[in-house]
Amino acid sequence: MTELPDRVTIREVGPRDGLQSEKPLPVEDRVRLIEALSETGVPRLEAVSFVSPKAVPAMADAAAVWRRVRKVSHVEYSALVPNRRGAEDAVRASGFASLQAFLATADGYNRKNVGKSVDESIADVAEVVGVAEPVGLPVEVSISTSFGDPYEGDVVPARVLEVAERVLDAGAQRISLADTTGMATPTRIWEVVGLLQQRLPDAPINLHLHDTRGTAMANMLAAMQIGITEFDASIGGLGGSPFAPGANGNLATEDVVHMLSDMGVETGIDLDRVLAAASLLESLVGHRVNSQVTKAGPRWVLASR
């Protein structure tokens, strides 16, 4: 059996990526969710997004949400920012450990998402770095459609490498490869990630996996087999891009923690607390969530009978 890492780092993205696809919640409800997730043991948490409220109504009032959150010392909180203005708002809000910028691999999706070409978004990354660097904030860039584009089809690994090289040259310290369309399979994970590991050996790589076609858990395991130890996950599996047809949520935090715990891979996350947070989430959004462990319960409940 392929050797797996002893530990995996999970960044919880539910309060941002998960809630952005839901009807807008009151500030106090978003605060409750962030605080509940902060107590689960997650080491990283993407809390808010400083984007235009006209573009993403569910992410309005980011500064107000952040101001009211009771922060805990063991969590590194981050904010998503689309451009210089978003970065300035995040710096003004203060207290974040890092900023997250984003762009796609191709112009079609990028224009749908942010109304700009990839080249223009790379220029935005440089401006975000220009705001963040003087105050000591590292910038991670999420590269959407790294494994397939809804308008242009398959994305060759060399194109992902090119975009990654350019954002690193623009000053980003880290990259996150996003399977925005859920088109990745383990083979494609090995191809794309393997190329970046070979050509950019010093660049930290995070994976953001969507479960549109039911492959997110398999893709995570495939990435772990080649040494990736940093992943995004969303409470309840909530999330998905409005510009990716058939989007069906993210890798669910509780499913990830459940599987890795049983495999002996440490996350530092308390599954019972995650399940309690998922129950809170259901009450806030008014519907059941997609995660399998929330529906069925942990395997060891049955195994111990």
C-alpha atoms as a PDB file:
ATOM      1  CA  MET A   1       0.000   0.000   0.000  1.00  0.00           C
ATOM      2  CA  THR A   2       1.221   3.501  -0.821  1.00  0.00           C
ATOM      3  CA  GLU A   3       2.496   5.285   2.266  1.00  0.00           C
ATOM      4  CA  LEU A   4       0.267   8.135   3.374  1.00  0.00           C
ATOM      5  CA  PRO A   5       1.230  11.256   5.340  1.00  0.00           C
ATOM      6  CA  ASP A   6       0.913  11.085   9.117  1.00  0.00           C
ATOM      7  CA  ARG A   7      -0.962  14.383   9.228  1.00  0.00           C
ATOM      8  CA  VAL A   8      -3.153  16.464   6.922  1.00  0.00           C
ATOM      9  CA  THR A   9      -3.998  20.159   7.336  1.00  0.00           C
ATOM     10  CA  ILE A  10      -7.595  21.137   6.611  1.00  0.00           C
ATOM     11  CA  ARG A  11      -8.736  24.668   5.881  1.00  0.00           C
ATOM     12  CA  GLU A  12     -12.442  25.109   6.620  1.00  0.00           C
ATOM     13  CA  VAL A  13     -14.062  27.201   3.858  1.00  0.00           C
ATOM     14  CA  GLY A  14     -17.744  26.771   4.707  1.00  0.00           C
ATOM     15  CA  PRO A  15     -18.335  30.298   6.030  1.00  0.00           C
ATOM     16  CA  ARG A  16     -17.114  31.675   2.708  1.00  0.00           C
ATOM     17  CA  ASP A  17     -17.314  29.186  -0.154  1.00  0.00           C
ATOM     18  CA  GLY A  18     -20.197  27.298   1.408  1.00  0.00           C
ATOM     19  CA  LEU A  19     -22.425  30.205   2.339  1.00  0.00           C
ATOM     20  CA  GLN A  20     -21.820  32.189  -0.854  1.00  0.00           C
ATOM     21  CA  SER A  21     -24.161  29.843  -2.714  1.00  0.00           C
ATOM     22  CA  GLU A  22     -26.917  30.088  -0.084  1.00  0.00           C
ATOM     23  CA  LYS A  23     -29.483  32.786   0.564  1.00  0.00           C
ATOM     24  CA  PRO A  24     -27.885  35.598   2.593  1.00  0.00           C
ATOM     25  CA  LEU A  25     -27.766  34.940   6.333  1.00  0.00           C
ATOM     26  CA  PRO A  26     -27.882  37.602   9.054  1.00  0.00           C
ATOM     27  CA  VAL A  27     -24.525  38.755  10.380  1.00  0.00           C
ATOM     28  CA  GLU A  28     -25.145  37.102  13.747  1.00  0.00           C
ATOM     29  CA  ASP A  29     -25.783  33.705  12.127  1.00  0.00           C
ATOM     30  CA  ARG A  30     -22.572  33.864  10.141  1.00  0.00           C
ATOM     31  CA  VAL A  31     -20.719  34.782  13.328  1.00  0.00           C
ATOM     32  CA  ARG A  32     -22.263  31.794  15.157  1.00  0.00           C
ATOM     33  CA  LEU A  33     -21.118  29.422  12.424  1.00  0.00           C
ATOM     34  CA  ILE A  34     -17.561  30.774  12.331  1.00  0.00           C
ATOM     35  CA  GLU A  35     -17.280  30.551  16.109  1.00  0.00           C
ATOM     36  CA  ALA A  36     -18.658  26.997  16.179  1.00  0.00           C
ATOM     37  CA  LEU A  37     -16.173  25.916  13.525  1.00  0.00           C
ATOM     38  CA  SER A  38     -13.334  27.657  15.367  1.00  0.00           C
ATOM     39  CA  GLU A  39     -13.946  25.287  18.290  1.00  0.00           C
ATOM     40  CA  THR A  40     -13.662  22.100  16.203  1.00  0.00           C
ATOM     41  CA  GLY A  41      -9.868  22.102  16.065  1.00  0.00           C
ATOM     42  CA  VAL A  42      -9.519  23.286  12.465  1.00  0.00           C
ATOM     43  CA  PRO A  43      -6.127  24.980  12.118  1.00  0.00           C
ATOM     44  CA  ARG A  44      -7.197  27.252   9.250  1.00  0.00           C
ATOM     45  CA  LEU A  45     -10.506  28.908   8.460  1.00  0.00           C
ATOM     46  CA  GLU A  46     -11.565  31.093   5.535  1.00  0.00           C
ATOM     47  CA  ALA A  47     -13.973  33.391   7.317  1.00  0.00           C
ATOM     48  CA  VAL A  48     -15.212  36.086   4.949  1.00  0.00           C
ATOM     49  CA  SER A  49     -14.895  37.480   1.453  1.00  0.00           C
ATOM     50  CA  PHE A  50     -14.340  41.158   0.693  1.00  0.00           C
ATOM     51  CA  VAL A  51     -16.129  41.098  -2.658  1.00  0.00           C
ATOM     52  CA  SER A  52     -18.829  43.346  -4.059  1.00  0.00           C
ATOM     53  CA  PRO A  53     -22.142  42.682  -2.262  1.00  0.00           C
ATOM     54  CA  LYS A  54     -23.867  43.236  -5.604  1.00  0.00           C
ATOM     55  CA  ALA A  55     -21.899  40.364  -7.110  1.00  0.00           C
ATOM     56  CA  VAL A  56     -22.200  38.017  -4.106  1.00  0.00           C
ATOM     57  CA  PRO A  57     -25.017  39.180  -1.788  1.00  0.00           C
ATOM     58  CA  ALA A  58     -24.398  36.353   0.692  1.00  0.00           C
ATOM     59  CA  MET A  59     -20.926  37.753   1.397  1.00  0.00           C
ATOM     60  CA  ALA A  60     -22.062  41.302   2.227  1.00  0.00           C
ATOM     61  CA  ASP A  61     -21.065  42.896   5.537  1.00  0.00           C
ATOM     62  CA  ALA A  62     -17.733  41.063   5.719  1.00  0.00           C
ATOM     63  CA  ALA A  63     -16.179  43.658   8.012  1.00  0.00           C
ATOM     64  CA  ALA A  64     -19.170  43.570  10.368  1.00  0.00           C
ATOM     65  CA  VAL A  65     -19.052  39.772  10.559  1.00  0.00           C
ATOM     66  CA  TRP A  66     -15.328  39.728  11.178  1.00  0.00           C
ATOM     67  CA  ARG A  67     -15.490  42.429  13.832  1.00  0.00           C
ATOM     68  CA  ARG A  68     -17.988  40.413  15.869  1.00  0.00           C
ATOM     69  CA  VAL A  69     -16.253  37.033  15.640  1.00  0.00           C
ATOM     70  CA  ARG A  70     -14.623  35.832  18.843  1.00  0.00           C
ATOM     71  CA  LYS A  71     -11.260  34.686  17.510  1.00  0.00           C
ATOM     72  CA  VAL A  72      -9.343  31.755  18.975  1.00  0.00           C
ATOM     73  CA  SER A  73      -5.563  31.658  19.030  1.00  0.00           C
ATOM     74  CA  HIS A  74      -5.059  28.242  17.429  1.00  0.00           C
ATOM     75  CA  VAL A  75      -6.904  29.158  14.205  1.00  0.00           C
ATOM     76  CA  GLU A  76      -5.304  30.986  11.282  1.00  0.00           C
ATOM     77  CA  TYR A  77      -8.124  33.022   9.749  1.00  0.00           C
ATOM     78  CA  SER A  78      -8.018  34.162   6.132  1.00  0.00           C
ATOM     79  CA  ALA A  79     -10.117  36.350   3.859  1.00  0.00           C
ATOM     80  CA  LEU A  80     -10.850  36.054   0.155  1.00  0.00           C
ATOM     81  CA  VAL A  81     -10.102  39.218  -1.826  1.00  0.00           C
ATOM     82  CA  PRO A  82     -10.623  39.815  -5.566  1.00  0.00           C
ATOM     83  CA  ASN A  83      -8.449  42.884  -6.047  1.00  0.00           C
ATOM     84  CA  ARG A  84      -6.635  45.816  -4.438  1.00  0.00           C
ATOM     85  CA  ARG A  85      -9.807  47.267  -2.935  1.00  0.00           C
ATOM     86  CA  GLY A  86     -10.728  43.968  -1.309  1.00  0.00           C
ATOM     87  CA  ALA A  87      -7.204  43.618   0.044  1.00  0.00           C
ATOM     88  CA  GLU A  88      -7.312  47.130   1.475  1.00  0.00           C
ATOM     89  CA  ASP A  89     -10.641  46.359   3.164  1.00  0.00           C
ATOM     90  CA  ALA A  90      -9.197  43.168   4.663  1.00  0.00           C
ATOM     91  CA  VAL A  91      -6.082  44.919   5.942  1.00  0.00           C
ATOM     92  CA  ARG A  92      -8.243  47.656   7.435  1.00  0.00           C
ATOM     93  CA  ALA A  93     -10.366  45.026   9.205  1.00  0.00           C
ATOM     94  CA  SER A  94      -7.136  43.535  10.653  1.00  0.00           C
ATOM     95  CA  GLY A  95      -6.519  40.215  12.353  1.00  0.00           C
ATOM     96  CA  PHE A  96      -6.198  37.904   9.348  1.00  0.00           C
ATOM     97  CA  ALA A  97      -3.252  35.534   9.018  1.00  0.00           C
ATOM     98  CA  SER A  98      -3.316  35.570   5.208  1.00  0.00           C
ATOM     99  CA  LEU A  99      -5.236  36.733   2.158  1.00  0.00           C
ATOM    100  CA  GLN A 100      -6.584  34.595  -0.656  1.00  0.00           C
ATOM    101  CA  ALA A 101      -6.710  35.939  -4.211  1.00  0.00           C
ATOM    102  CA  PHE A 102      -8.124  33.999  -7.138  1.00  0.00           C
ATOM    103  CA  LEU A 103      -8.225  33.603 -10.897  1.00  0.00           C
ATOM    104  CA  ALA A 104      -8.922  30.898 -13.472  1.00  0.00           C
ATOM    105  CA  THR A 105      -6.772  29.109 -16.029  1.00  0.00           C
ATOM    106  CA  ALA A 106      -8.745  30.433 -19.022  1.00  0.00           C
ATOM    107  CA  ASP A 107     -10.405  33.690 -20.004  1.00  0.00           C
ATOM    108  CA  GLY A 108     -13.905  32.255 -20.513  1.00  0.00           C
ATOM    109  CA  TYR A 109     -14.526  31.230 -16.925  1.00  0.00           C
ATOM    110  CA  ASN A 110     -12.474  34.117 -15.552  1.00  0.00           C
ATOM    111  CA  ARG A 111     -14.620  36.670 -17.382  1.00  0.00           C
ATOM    112  CA  LYS A 112     -17.803  34.990 -16.129  1.00  0.00           C
ATOM    113  CA  ASN A 113     -16.484  35.004 -12.579  1.00  0.00           C
ATOM    114  CA  VAL A 114     -14.767  38.398 -12.272  1.00  0.00           C
ATOM    115  CA  GLY A 115     -15.307  40.140 -15.613  1.00  0.00           C
ATOM    116  CA  LYS A 116     -11.609  40.157 -16.501  1.00  0.00           C
ATOM    117  CA  SER A 117      -9.072  38.260 -18.571  1.00  0.00           C
ATOM    118  CA  VAL A 118      -6.537  36.003 -16.869  1.00  0.00           C
ATOM    119  CA  ASP A 119      -3.812  38.558 -17.627  1.00  0.00           C
ATOM    120  CA  GLU A 120      -5.835  41.277 -15.899  1.00  0.00           C
ATOM    121  CA  SER A 121      -6.387  39.038 -12.873  1.00  0.00           C
ATOM    122  CA  ILE A 122      -2.661  38.328 -12.620  1.00  0.00           C
ATOM    123  CA  ALA A 123      -2.144  42.090 -12.490  1.00  0.00           C
ATOM    124  CA  ASP A 124      -4.729  42.158  -9.677  1.00  0.00           C
ATOM    125  CA  VAL A 125      -2.725  39.508  -7.812  1.00  0.00           C
ATOM    126  CA  ALA A 126       0.339  41.744  -7.966  1.00  0.00           C
ATOM    127  CA  GLU A 127      -1.716  44.628  -6.543  1.00  0.00           C
ATOM    128  CA  VAL A 128      -3.068  42.435  -3.735  1.00  0.00           C
ATOM    129  CA  VAL A 129       0.501  41.436  -2.886  1.00  0.00           C
ATOM    130  CA  GLY A 130       1.453  45.116  -2.920  1.00  0.00           C
ATOM    131  CA  VAL A 131      -1.159  45.792  -0.242  1.00  0.00           C
ATOM    132  CA  ALA A 132      -0.516  42.670   1.835  1.00  0.00           C
ATOM    133  CA  GLU A 133       3.266  42.488   1.831  1.00  0.00           C
ATOM    134  CA  PRO A 134       3.981  45.726   3.738  1.00  0.00           C
ATOM    135  CA  VAL A 135       1.824  44.523   6.644  1.00  0.00           C
ATOM    136  CA  GLY A 136       3.309  41.032   6.657  1.00  0.00           C
ATOM    137  CA  LEU A 137       0.335  39.161   5.201  1.00  0.00           C
ATOM    138  CA  PRO A 138       1.152  36.236   2.900  1.00  0.00           C
ATOM    139  CA  VAL A 139      -0.991  35.827  -0.204  1.00  0.00           C
ATOM    140  CA  GLU A 140      -2.250  32.520  -1.526  1.00  0.00           C
ATOM    141  CA  VAL A 141      -3.749  32.372  -5.013  1.00  0.00           C
ATOM    142  CA  SER A 142      -6.516  29.930  -5.823  1.00  0.00           C
ATOM    143  CA  ILE A 143      -6.318  28.795  -9.448  1.00  0.00           C
ATOM    144  CA  SER A 144      -9.852  27.895 -10.493  1.00  0.00           C
ATOM    145  CA  THR A 145     -10.583  25.375 -13.269  1.00  0.00           C
ATOM    146  CA  SER A 146      -7.219  23.666 -12.736  1.00  0.00           C
ATOM    147  CA  PHE A 147      -8.646  20.324 -13.839  1.00  0.00           C
ATOM    148  CA  GLY A 148     -11.230  21.404 -16.402  1.00  0.00           C
ATOM    149  CA  ASP A 149     -13.113  24.462 -17.621  1.00  0.00           C
ATOM    150  CA  PRO A 150     -16.910  24.555 -18.151  1.00  0.00           C
ATOM    151  CA  TYR A 151     -16.522  26.607 -21.329  1.00  0.00           C
ATOM    152  CA  GLU A 152     -13.233  25.377 -22.804  1.00  0.00           C
ATOM    153  CA  GLY A 153     -13.092  21.736 -21.717  1.00  0.00           C
ATOM    154  CA  ASP A 154      -9.993  19.972 -20.446  1.00  0.00           C
ATOM    155  CA  VAL A 155      -7.143  22.139 -19.222  1.00  0.00           C
ATOM    156  CA  VAL A 156      -3.691  20.818 -20.053  1.00  0.00           C
ATOM    157  CA  PRO A 157      -1.304  20.554 -17.089  1.00  0.00           C
ATOM    158  CA  ALA A 158       1.164  22.889 -18.802  1.00  0.00           C
ATOM    159  CA  ARG A 159      -1.419  25.687 -18.710  1.00  0.00           C
ATOM    160  CA  VAL A 160      -1.933  25.239 -14.959  1.00  0.00           C
ATOM    161  CA  LEU A 161       1.838  25.339 -14.508  1.00  0.00           C
ATOM    162  CA  GLU A 162       2.077  28.541 -16.558  1.00  0.00           C
ATOM    163  CA  VAL A 163      -0.562  30.320 -14.467  1.00  0.00           C
ATOM    164  CA  ALA A 164       1.021  29.067 -11.235  1.00  0.00           C
ATOM    165  CA  GLU A 165       4.444  30.339 -12.298  1.00  0.00           C
ATOM    166  CA  ARG A 166       3.019  33.739 -13.191  1.00  0.00           C
ATOM    167  CA  VAL A 167       1.181  34.267  -9.892  1.00  0.00           C
ATOM    168  CA  LEU A 168       4.265  33.201  -7.951  1.00  0.00           C
ATOM    169  CA  ASP A 169       6.305  35.667 -10.019  1.00  0.00           C
ATOM    170  CA  ALA A 170       3.685  38.291  -9.093  1.00  0.00           C
ATOM    171  CA  GLY A 171       4.552  37.740  -5.440  1.00  0.00           C
ATOM    172  CA  ALA A 172       2.137  35.065  -4.207  1.00  0.00           C
ATOM    173  CA  GLN A 173       3.655  32.750  -1.600  1.00  0.00           C
ATOM    174  CA  ARG A 174       1.298  29.803  -2.016  1.00  0.00           C
ATOM    175  CA  ILE A 175      -1.021  28.294  -4.602  1.00  0.00           C
ATOM    176  CA  SER A 176      -4.270  26.384  -4.314  1.00  0.00           C
ATOM    177  CA  LEU A 177      -5.481  24.250  -7.216  1.00  0.00           C
ATOM    178  CA  ALA A 178      -9.267  24.257  -7.464  1.00  0.00           C
ATOM    179  CA  ASP A 179     -11.336  21.574  -9.167  1.00  0.00           C
ATOM    180  CA  THR A 180     -14.076  24.118  -9.788  1.00  0.00           C
ATOM    181  CA  THR A 181     -16.041  21.946 -12.188  1.00  0.00           C
ATOM    182  CA  GLY A 182     -15.556  18.618 -10.429  1.00  0.00           C
ATOM    183  CA  MET A 183     -13.869  17.262 -13.567  1.00  0.00           C
ATOM    184  CA  ALA A 184     -10.821  15.872 -11.766  1.00  0.00           C
ATOM    185  CA  THR A 185     -10.150  12.173 -11.346  1.00  0.00           C
ATOM    186  CA  PRO A 186      -7.193  10.597  -9.531  1.00  0.00           C
ATOM    187  CA  THR A 187      -5.252  10.288 -12.786  1.00  0.00           C
ATOM    188  CA  ARG A 188      -5.698  13.982 -13.539  1.00  0.00           C
ATOM    189  CA  ILE A 189      -4.700  14.852  -9.978  1.00  0.00           C
ATOM    190  CA  TRP A 190      -1.462  12.933 -10.451  1.00  0.00           C
ATOM    191  CA  GLU A 191      -0.794  14.577 -13.829  1.00  0.00           C
ATOM    192  CA  VAL A 192      -1.412  18.198 -12.845  1.00  0.00           C
ATOM    193  CA  VAL A 193      -0.110  18.142  -9.291  1.00  0.00           C
ATOM    194  CA  GLY A 194       2.828  15.945 -10.261  1.00  0.00           C
ATOM    195  CA  LEU A 195       3.943  18.453 -12.886  1.00  0.00           C
ATOM    196  CA  LEU A 196       3.787  21.342 -10.424  1.00  0.00           C
ATOM    197  CA  GLN A 197       5.675  19.355  -7.798  1.00  0.00           C
ATOM    198  CA  GLN A 198       8.388  18.661 -10.356  1.00  0.00           C
ATOM    199  CA  ARG A 199       8.685  22.193 -11.738  1.00  0.00           C
ATOM    200  CA  LEU A 200       7.839  24.214  -8.604  1.00  0.00           C
ATOM    201  CA  PRO A 201       9.286  22.073  -5.795  1.00  0.00           C
ATOM    202  CA  ASP A 202       9.385  24.927  -3.271  1.00  0.00           C
ATOM    203  CA  ALA A 203       5.813  26.140  -3.791  1.00  0.00           C
ATOM    204  CA  PRO A 204       3.316  25.035  -1.120  1.00  0.00           C
ATOM    205  CA  ILE A 205       0.291  23.453  -2.828  1.00  0.00           C
ATOM    206  CA  ASN A 206      -3.227  23.242  -1.415  1.00  0.00           C
ATOM    207  CA  LEU A 207      -6.116  21.440  -3.128  1.00  0.00           C
ATOM    208  CA  HIS A 208      -9.714  22.662  -3.273  1.00  0.00           C
ATOM    209  CA  LEU A 209     -11.896  19.796  -4.486  1.00  0.00           C
ATOM    210  CA  HIS A 210     -15.517  19.929  -5.575  1.00  0.00           C
ATOM    211  CA  ASP A 211     -17.687  16.814  -5.455  1.00  0.00           C
ATOM    212  CA  THR A 212     -19.757  17.482  -8.579  1.00  0.00           C
ATOM    213  CA  ARG A 213     -19.182  13.970  -9.927  1.00  0.00           C
ATOM    214  CA  GLY A 214     -18.598  12.162  -6.652  1.00  0.00           C
ATOM    215  CA  THR A 215     -14.806  11.989  -6.995  1.00  0.00           C
ATOM    216  CA  ALA A 216     -13.648  14.481  -4.349  1.00  0.00           C
ATOM    217  CA  MET A 217     -12.695  11.916  -1.691  1.00  0.00           C
ATOM    218  CA  ALA A 218     -10.904   9.727  -4.237  1.00  0.00           C
ATOM    219  CA  ASN A 219      -9.061  12.767  -5.543  1.00  0.00           C
ATOM    220  CA  MET A 220      -8.002  13.732  -2.042  1.00  0.00           C
ATOM    221  CA  LEU A 221      -6.613  10.265  -1.389  1.00  0.00           C
ATOM    222  CA  ALA A 222      -4.800  10.326  -4.744  1.00  0.00           C
ATOM    223  CA  ALA A 223      -3.208  13.654  -3.828  1.00  0.00           C
ATOM    224  CA  MET A 224      -2.147  12.334  -0.433  1.00  0.00           C
ATOM    225  CA  GLN A 225      -0.446   9.423  -2.192  1.00  0.00           C
ATOM    226  CA  ILE A 226       1.899  11.878  -3.922  1.00  0.00           C
ATOM    227  CA  GLY A 227       2.593  13.942  -0.829  1.00  0.00           C
ATOM    228  CA  ILE A 228      -0.072  16.658  -0.744  1.00  0.00           C
ATOM    229  CA  THR A 229      -1.073  17.393   2.845  1.00  0.00           C
ATOM    230  CA  GLU A 230      -3.124  20.605   2.602  1.00  0.00           C
ATOM    231  CA  PHE A 231      -6.774  20.625   1.572  1.00  0.00           C
ATOM    232  CA  ASP A 232      -9.845  22.831   1.708  1.00  0.00           C
ATOM    233  CA  ALA A 233     -13.089  21.359   3.019  1.00  0.00           C
ATOM    234  CA  SER A 234     -16.511  22.837   3.666  1.00  0.00           C
ATOM    235  CA  ILE A 235     -18.836  22.026   6.544  1.00  0.00           C
ATOM    236  CA  GLY A 236     -21.769  20.028   5.238  1.00  0.00           C
ATOM    237  CA  GLY A 237     -20.179  19.916   1.788  1.00  0.00           C
ATOM    238  CA  LEU A 238     -21.773  23.287   1.046  1.00  0.00           C
ATOM    239  CA  GLY A 239     -20.581  25.357  -1.874  1.00  0.00           C
ATOM    240  CA  GLY A 240     -19.988  25.289  -5.587  1.00  0.00           C
ATOM    241  CA  SER A 241     -19.480  27.900  -8.250  1.00  0.00           C
ATOM    242  CA  PRO A 242     -22.576  29.497  -9.838  1.00  0.00           C
ATOM    243  CA  PHE A 243     -20.630  29.562 -13.118  1.00  0.00           C
ATOM    244  CA  ALA A 244     -19.901  25.810 -13.166  1.00  0.00           C
ATOM    245  CA  PRO A 245     -22.889  23.850 -14.537  1.00  0.00           C
ATOM    246  CA  GLY A 246     -24.108  21.103 -12.211  1.00  0.00           C
ATOM    247  CA  ALA A 247     -21.955  22.249  -9.300  1.00  0.00           C
ATOM    248  CA  ASN A 248     -22.755  20.004  -6.356  1.00  0.00           C
ATOM    249  CA  GLY A 249     -20.783  21.168  -3.381  1.00  0.00           C
ATOM    250  CA  ASN A 250     -17.341  20.855  -1.863  1.00  0.00           C
ATOM    251  CA  LEU A 251     -15.425  18.140  -0.117  1.00  0.00           C
ATOM    252  CA  ALA A 252     -17.336  17.835   3.171  1.00  0.00           C
ATOM    253  CA  THR A 253     -15.306  18.516   6.304  1.00  0.00           C
ATOM    254  CA  GLU A 254     -17.022  15.850   8.375  1.00  0.00           C
ATOM    255  CA  ASP A 255     -16.552  13.193   5.677  1.00  0.00           C
ATOM    256  CA  VAL A 256     -12.853  14.042   5.414  1.00  0.00           C
ATOM    257  CA  VAL A 257     -12.251  13.994   9.175  1.00  0.00           C
ATOM    258  CA  HIS A 258     -14.178  10.726   9.510  1.00  0.00           C
ATOM    259  CA  MET A 259     -12.204   8.961   6.774  1.00  0.00           C
ATOM    260  CA  LEU A 260      -8.790  10.221   7.835  1.00  0.00           C
ATOM    261  CA  SER A 261      -9.429   9.412  11.488  1.00  0.00           C
ATOM    262  CA  ASP A 262     -10.229   5.806  10.637  1.00  0.00           C
ATOM    263  CA  MET A 263      -7.106   5.629   8.451  1.00  0.00           C
ATOM    264  CA  GLY A 264      -4.875   6.865  11.262  1.00  0.00           C
ATOM    265  CA  VAL A 265      -4.103  10.194   9.584  1.00  0.00           C
ATOM    266  CA  GLU A 266      -4.138  13.042  12.106  1.00  0.00           C
ATOM    267  CA  THR A 267      -6.072  16.265  11.474  1.00  0.00           C
ATOM    268  CA  GLY A 268      -6.417  17.683  14.979  1.00  0.00           C
ATOM    269  CA  ILE A 269     -10.148  18.117  14.333  1.00  0.00           C
ATOM    270  CA  ASP A 270     -12.862  16.811  16.661  1.00  0.00           C
ATOM    271  CA  LEU A 271     -15.497  15.003  14.579  1.00  0.00           C
ATOM    272  CA  ASP A 272     -18.219  15.323  17.210  1.00  0.00           C
ATOM    273  CA  ARG A 273     -17.786  19.086  17.225  1.00  0.00           C
ATOM    274  CA  VAL A 274     -17.825  19.179  13.433  1.00  0.00           C
ATOM    275  CA  LEU A 275     -21.084  17.223  13.398  1.00  0.00           C
ATOM    276  CA  ALA A 276     -22.537  19.658  15.927  1.00  0.00           C
ATOM    277  CA  ALA A 277     -21.487  22.529  13.657  1.00  0.00           C
ATOM    278  CA  ALA A 278     -23.131  20.767  10.710  1.00  0.00           C
ATOM    279  CA  SER A 279     -26.355  20.502  12.707  1.00  0.00           C
ATOM    280  CA  LEU A 280     -26.142  24.228  13.448  1.00  0.00           C
ATOM    281  CA  LEU A 281     -25.543  24.905   9.761  1.00  0.00           C
ATOM    282  CA  GLU A 282     -28.669  22.980   8.779  1.00  0.00           C
ATOM    283  CA  SER A 283     -30.736  25.060  11.170  1.00  0.00           C
ATOM    284  CA  LEU A 284     -29.286  28.273   9.728  1.00  0.00           C
ATOM    285  CA  VAL A 285     -29.715  27.494   6.029  1.00  0.00           C
ATOM    286  CA  GLY A 286     -33.009  25.657   6.453  1.00  0.00           C
ATOM    287  CA  HIS A 287     -32.179  22.423   4.641  1.00  0.00           C
ATOM    288  CA  ARG A 288     -30.208  19.204   5.000  1.00  0.00           C
ATOM    289  CA  VAL A 289     -26.545  19.265   4.039  1.00  0.00           C
ATOM    290  CA  ASN A 290     -24.835  16.935   1.570  1.00  0.00           C
ATOM    291  CA  SER A 291     -22.264  15.218   3.757  1.00  0.00           C
ATOM    292  CA  GLN A 292     -22.627  11.479   4.115  1.00  0.00           C
ATOM    293  CA  VAL A 293     -21.410  11.223   7.718  1.00  0.00           C
ATOM    294  CA  THR A 294     -23.940  13.836   8.826  1.00  0.00           C
ATOM    295  CA  LYS A 295     -26.666  11.633   7.343  1.00  0.00           C
ATOM    296  CA  ALA A 296     -25.403   8.202   8.399  1.00  0.00           C
ATOM    297  CA  GLY A 297     -23.203   8.864  11.423  1.00  0.00           C
ATOM    298  CA  PRO A 298     -19.627   7.649  12.003  1.00  0.00           C
ATOM    299  CA  ARG A 299     -18.844   4.037  11.080  1.00  0.00           C
ATOM    300  CA  TRP A 300     -17.561   3.240  14.565  1.00  0.00           C
ATOM    301  CA  VAL A 301     -21.026   3.765  16.033  1.00  0.00           C
ATOM    302  CA  LEU A 302     -22.123   0.609  14.214  1.00  0.00           C
ATOM    303  CA  ALA A 303     -18.749  -1.123  14.463  1.00  0.00           C
ATOM    304  CA  SER A 304     -18.855  -1.047  18.264  1.00  0.00           C
ATOM    305  CA  ARG A 305     -22.167  -2.908  18.497  1.00  0.00           C
END
